[in-house]
Amino acid sequence: MLKNSLLFAMLLVSITLIVTGSASADEDQTIGINCVDDGEKECFEETAWAAEHKPGGAYRFVERGNWGTYVDYTLGSYNESIPGRYTIYAGQSSQAGTLKVYDDTTLQDGKYYGTIYVQYAYNQSDSTYKDGYNGSWTGLTEYHLHVADSRDGIPMTRNGNPIPGQFDYSAEYNDKKSSTDWIAIDINGYEDSEVYIAAHSVVWWCGFPDSA
């Protein structure tokens, strides 16, 4: 009888140890999952423009003041399989993304007809934007786009500054988008293969402090 009681007591102790050990392991795993803290993440918005060359290069609207730039595109240069790629600069000097462009146009009676396709794309790592931080350009929340057959066809002030709010194509998003859909722009009766693309956007950079 005493022997059976001792065996029963030892069995209860073993069961208690097993259950307690399992509970502790679960608690440790839960703490490990919840210990990730993204509270220090910071995000900043910047104005951005697509440029054929570096900011301030040959295709800037004005030499001083507004640093907005445009792309000089030649019809027939690129297609859907291999679109043209132009750097999108944020805050004038940071490479934030890429403007992709191609066209499907034909020349009829000395004039061009068809469609130009444009897409904004972001998700570029950039650890130089903010000192002491690592991050990337995560997307855009707004864009303004205009295509014309002459530079003067882009809405500008008398001083030559671009007016994005008057561009033909625009959109705003509640959440950051890493890329837009392809934006289709009809070309009807352009007399020259050279077209001008003004691509403005509001982009976001998000990052964390460098590890100590």
Protein backbone atom coordinates (compact mmCIF):
# COMPACT_ATOMS: atom_id res chain seq x y z
CA MET A 1 0.00 0.00 0.00
CA LEU A 2 2.79 2.41 0.97
CA LYS A 3 4.71 1.47 -2.16
CA ASN A 4 1.70 2.22 -4.34
CA SER A 5 1.22 5.61 -2.62
CA LEU A 6 4.86 6.53 -3.24
CA LEU A 7 4.59 5.57 -6.91
CA PHE A 8 1.43 7.66 -7.26
CA ALA A 9 3.11 10.68 -5.65
CA MET A 10 6.15 10.38 -7.94
CA LEU A 11 3.86 10.16 -10.96
CA LEU A 12 2.07 13.38 -9.91
CA VAL A 13 5.41 15.18 -9.53
CA SER A 14 6.52 14.04 -12.99
CA ILE A 15 3.28 15.18 -14.58
CA THR A 16 3.53 18.56 -12.82
CA LEU A 17 7.09 19.07 -14.05
CA ILE A 18 6.18 18.21 -17.63
CA VAL A 19 3.16 20.54 -17.69
CA THR A 20 5.06 23.40 -16.04
CA GLY A 21 7.98 22.97 -18.42
CA SER A 22 5.69 23.11 -21.43
CA ALA A 23 4.00 26.26 -20.14
CA SER A 24 7.35 27.98 -19.64
CA ALA A 25 8.43 27.12 -23.16
CA ASP A 26 5.22 28.58 -24.57
CA GLU A 27 5.66 31.75 -22.56
CA ASP A 28 9.22 32.20 -23.87
CA GLN A 29 8.08 31.73 -27.46
CA THR A 30 5.28 34.28 -27.03
CA ILE A 31 7.68 36.85 -25.58
CA GLY A 32 10.05 36.28 -28.49
CA ILE A 33 7.31 36.91 -31.05
CA ASN A 34 6.07 40.07 -29.33
CA CYS A 35 9.45 41.66 -28.65
CA VAL A 36 9.72 43.19 -32.16
CA ASP A 37 9.11 46.94 -31.76
CA ASP A 38 8.58 49.15 -34.81
CA GLY A 39 7.71 52.21 -32.79
CA GLU A 40 10.92 53.97 -33.82
CA LYS A 41 10.17 53.77 -37.54
CA GLU A 42 10.00 57.20 -39.14
CA CYS A 43 8.55 58.26 -42.47
CA PHE A 44 9.08 61.45 -44.45
CA GLU A 45 7.43 62.80 -47.60
CA GLU A 46 9.24 64.54 -50.42
CA THR A 47 8.45 66.11 -53.78
CA ALA A 48 9.85 64.10 -56.67
CA TRP A 49 10.40 64.56 -60.42
CA ALA A 50 11.47 62.17 -63.15
CA ALA A 51 14.61 63.30 -64.97
CA GLU A 52 16.40 62.18 -68.10
CA HIS A 53 19.68 63.31 -66.61
CA LYS A 54 20.75 64.16 -63.08
CA PRO A 55 18.76 66.93 -61.31
CA GLY A 56 19.77 70.32 -62.59
CA GLY A 57 20.89 68.83 -65.91
CA ALA A 58 19.78 69.71 -69.43
CA TYR A 59 16.06 69.13 -68.84
CA ARG A 60 15.21 71.45 -65.99
CA PHE A 61 12.30 73.88 -66.37
CA VAL A 62 14.15 76.89 -64.94
CA GLU A 63 17.79 77.43 -64.06
CA ARG A 64 17.09 78.84 -60.60
CA GLY A 65 14.44 78.24 -57.98
CA ASN A 66 12.10 75.39 -58.89
CA TRP A 67 14.19 72.26 -59.58
CA GLY A 68 11.45 70.41 -61.46
CA THR A 69 12.64 68.38 -64.44
CA TYR A 70 11.13 66.65 -67.46
CA VAL A 71 11.91 63.79 -69.82
CA ASP A 72 12.53 64.24 -73.55
CA TYR A 73 11.18 61.03 -75.09
CA THR A 74 11.35 59.91 -78.73
CA LEU A 75 8.38 57.93 -80.05
CA GLY A 76 9.29 54.42 -81.17
CA SER A 77 12.28 54.17 -78.82
CA TYR A 78 10.83 51.54 -76.45
CA ASN A 79 8.14 48.89 -76.33
CA GLU A 80 6.19 46.95 -73.70
CA SER A 81 8.89 44.27 -73.39
CA ILE A 82 11.69 46.80 -72.95
CA PRO A 83 10.36 50.12 -71.58
CA GLY A 84 12.52 53.19 -71.17
CA ARG A 85 13.65 53.84 -67.61
CA TYR A 86 14.21 57.30 -66.12
CA THR A 87 15.29 58.07 -62.57
CA ILE A 88 12.81 59.70 -60.20
CA TYR A 89 14.61 62.09 -57.85
CA ALA A 90 13.13 63.01 -54.46
CA GLY A 91 14.14 66.16 -52.64
CA GLN A 92 16.22 67.04 -55.71
CA SER A 93 19.07 64.60 -55.17
CA SER A 94 17.83 61.25 -53.78
CA GLN A 95 17.18 58.43 -56.25
CA ALA A 96 13.74 57.31 -55.14
CA GLY A 97 12.41 55.25 -58.02
CA THR A 98 11.97 54.77 -61.74
CA LEU A 99 9.63 56.16 -64.36
CA LYS A 100 8.98 53.54 -67.03
CA VAL A 101 7.86 54.65 -70.49
CA TYR A 102 7.03 52.98 -73.80
CA ASP A 103 4.72 53.71 -76.70
CA ASP A 104 2.59 52.00 -79.30
CA THR A 105 2.33 54.59 -82.06
CA THR A 106 2.30 54.72 -85.84
CA LEU A 107 3.16 57.39 -88.38
CA GLN A 108 0.28 58.23 -90.72
CA ASP A 109 0.42 61.03 -93.28
CA GLY A 110 3.32 62.63 -91.47
CA LYS A 111 1.66 62.55 -88.03
CA TYR A 112 1.89 60.21 -85.05
CA TYR A 113 -1.10 58.38 -83.57
CA GLY A 114 -1.36 55.86 -80.77
CA THR A 115 -0.64 55.62 -77.06
CA ILE A 116 2.20 56.36 -74.66
CA TYR A 117 2.32 54.27 -71.47
CA VAL A 118 3.86 55.57 -68.24
CA GLN A 119 4.37 53.89 -64.86
CA TYR A 120 5.81 55.18 -61.58
CA ALA A 121 7.73 52.54 -59.58
CA TYR A 122 9.34 52.79 -56.13
CA ASN A 123 10.97 50.55 -53.49
CA GLN A 124 14.56 51.71 -53.67
CA SER A 125 16.87 51.28 -50.69
CA ASP A 126 18.44 54.56 -49.57
CA SER A 127 20.48 54.80 -46.37
CA THR A 128 21.88 58.25 -47.18
CA TYR A 129 18.61 60.18 -47.02
CA LYS A 130 18.63 60.54 -43.22
CA ASP A 131 21.84 60.35 -41.18
CA GLY A 132 21.89 57.51 -38.66
CA TYR A 133 19.00 55.66 -40.32
CA ASN A 134 18.53 52.77 -42.73
CA GLY A 135 15.49 52.82 -44.95
CA SER A 136 14.01 52.99 -48.42
CA TRP A 137 11.60 54.89 -50.63
CA THR A 138 8.43 52.91 -50.05
CA GLY A 139 5.97 54.47 -52.47
CA LEU A 140 3.90 57.45 -53.54
CA THR A 141 0.61 58.95 -52.38
CA GLU A 142 0.11 61.38 -55.25
CA TYR A 143 1.21 61.98 -58.83
CA HIS A 144 0.73 64.57 -61.57
CA LEU A 145 1.63 63.69 -65.15
CA HIS A 146 1.60 65.62 -68.40
CA VAL A 147 2.69 64.72 -71.93
CA ALA A 148 2.99 67.29 -74.73
CA ASP A 149 4.44 67.58 -78.22
CA SER A 150 6.38 70.69 -77.19
CA ARG A 151 7.98 71.95 -74.02
CA ASP A 152 5.64 74.93 -74.04
CA GLY A 153 2.71 72.50 -74.00
CA ILE A 154 3.43 71.68 -70.35
CA PRO A 155 1.46 73.94 -67.94
CA MET A 156 3.86 76.56 -66.56
CA THR A 157 3.79 79.99 -64.96
CA ARG A 158 5.01 83.05 -66.83
CA ASN A 159 8.38 82.50 -65.19
CA GLY A 160 8.57 78.96 -66.56
CA ASN A 161 7.84 77.07 -63.34
CA PRO A 162 5.77 73.89 -63.85
CA ILE A 163 2.24 73.75 -62.40
CA PRO A 164 1.58 70.10 -61.45
CA GLY A 165 -1.96 70.88 -60.37
CA GLN A 166 -2.81 71.66 -63.98
CA PHE A 167 -1.30 68.51 -65.50
CA ASP A 168 -3.71 66.33 -67.50
CA TYR A 169 -3.29 63.15 -65.45
CA SER A 170 -3.26 62.87 -61.66
CA ALA A 171 -4.23 60.62 -58.77
CA GLU A 172 -4.11 60.53 -54.96
CA TYR A 173 -3.95 57.46 -52.71
CA ASN A 174 -4.76 56.98 -49.03
CA ASP A 175 -2.00 54.39 -48.69
CA LYS A 176 1.49 54.42 -50.15
CA LYS A 177 1.72 52.61 -53.50
CA SER A 178 5.00 51.04 -54.55
CA SER A 179 3.93 51.44 -58.17
CA THR A 180 1.08 52.75 -60.27
CA ASP A 181 -0.75 50.91 -62.99
CA TRP A 182 0.34 51.73 -66.51
CA ILE A 183 -1.10 55.15 -67.35
CA ALA A 184 -2.28 55.31 -70.98
CA ILE A 185 -1.96 58.65 -72.77
CA ASP A 186 -3.42 59.03 -76.27
CA ILE A 187 -1.31 60.63 -78.98
CA ASN A 188 -3.37 62.15 -81.79
CA GLY A 189 -1.73 63.98 -84.64
CA TYR A 190 1.67 64.78 -83.15
CA GLU A 191 3.83 66.14 -85.96
CA ASP A 192 7.16 65.32 -84.31
CA SER A 193 8.48 62.12 -82.77
CA GLU A 194 9.91 64.10 -79.86
CA VAL A 195 7.55 64.40 -76.88
CA TYR A 196 7.94 65.94 -73.45
CA ILE A 197 6.95 64.13 -70.26
CA ALA A 198 6.60 65.98 -66.94
CA ALA A 199 6.21 63.44 -64.13
CA HIS A 200 5.75 64.86 -60.63
CA SER A 201 4.93 62.86 -57.48
CA VAL A 202 4.80 62.94 -53.69
CA VAL A 203 6.89 60.06 -52.33
CA TRP A 204 7.66 58.59 -48.91
CA TRP A 205 10.88 57.39 -47.29
CA CYS A 206 10.60 55.15 -44.21
CA GLY A 207 13.42 53.83 -42.03
CA PHE A 208 14.76 52.74 -38.64
CA PRO A 209 17.71 54.03 -36.63
CA ASP A 210 21.01 52.25 -37.25
CA SER A 211 21.78 49.43 -34.82
CA ALA A 212 24.20 50.45 -32.07
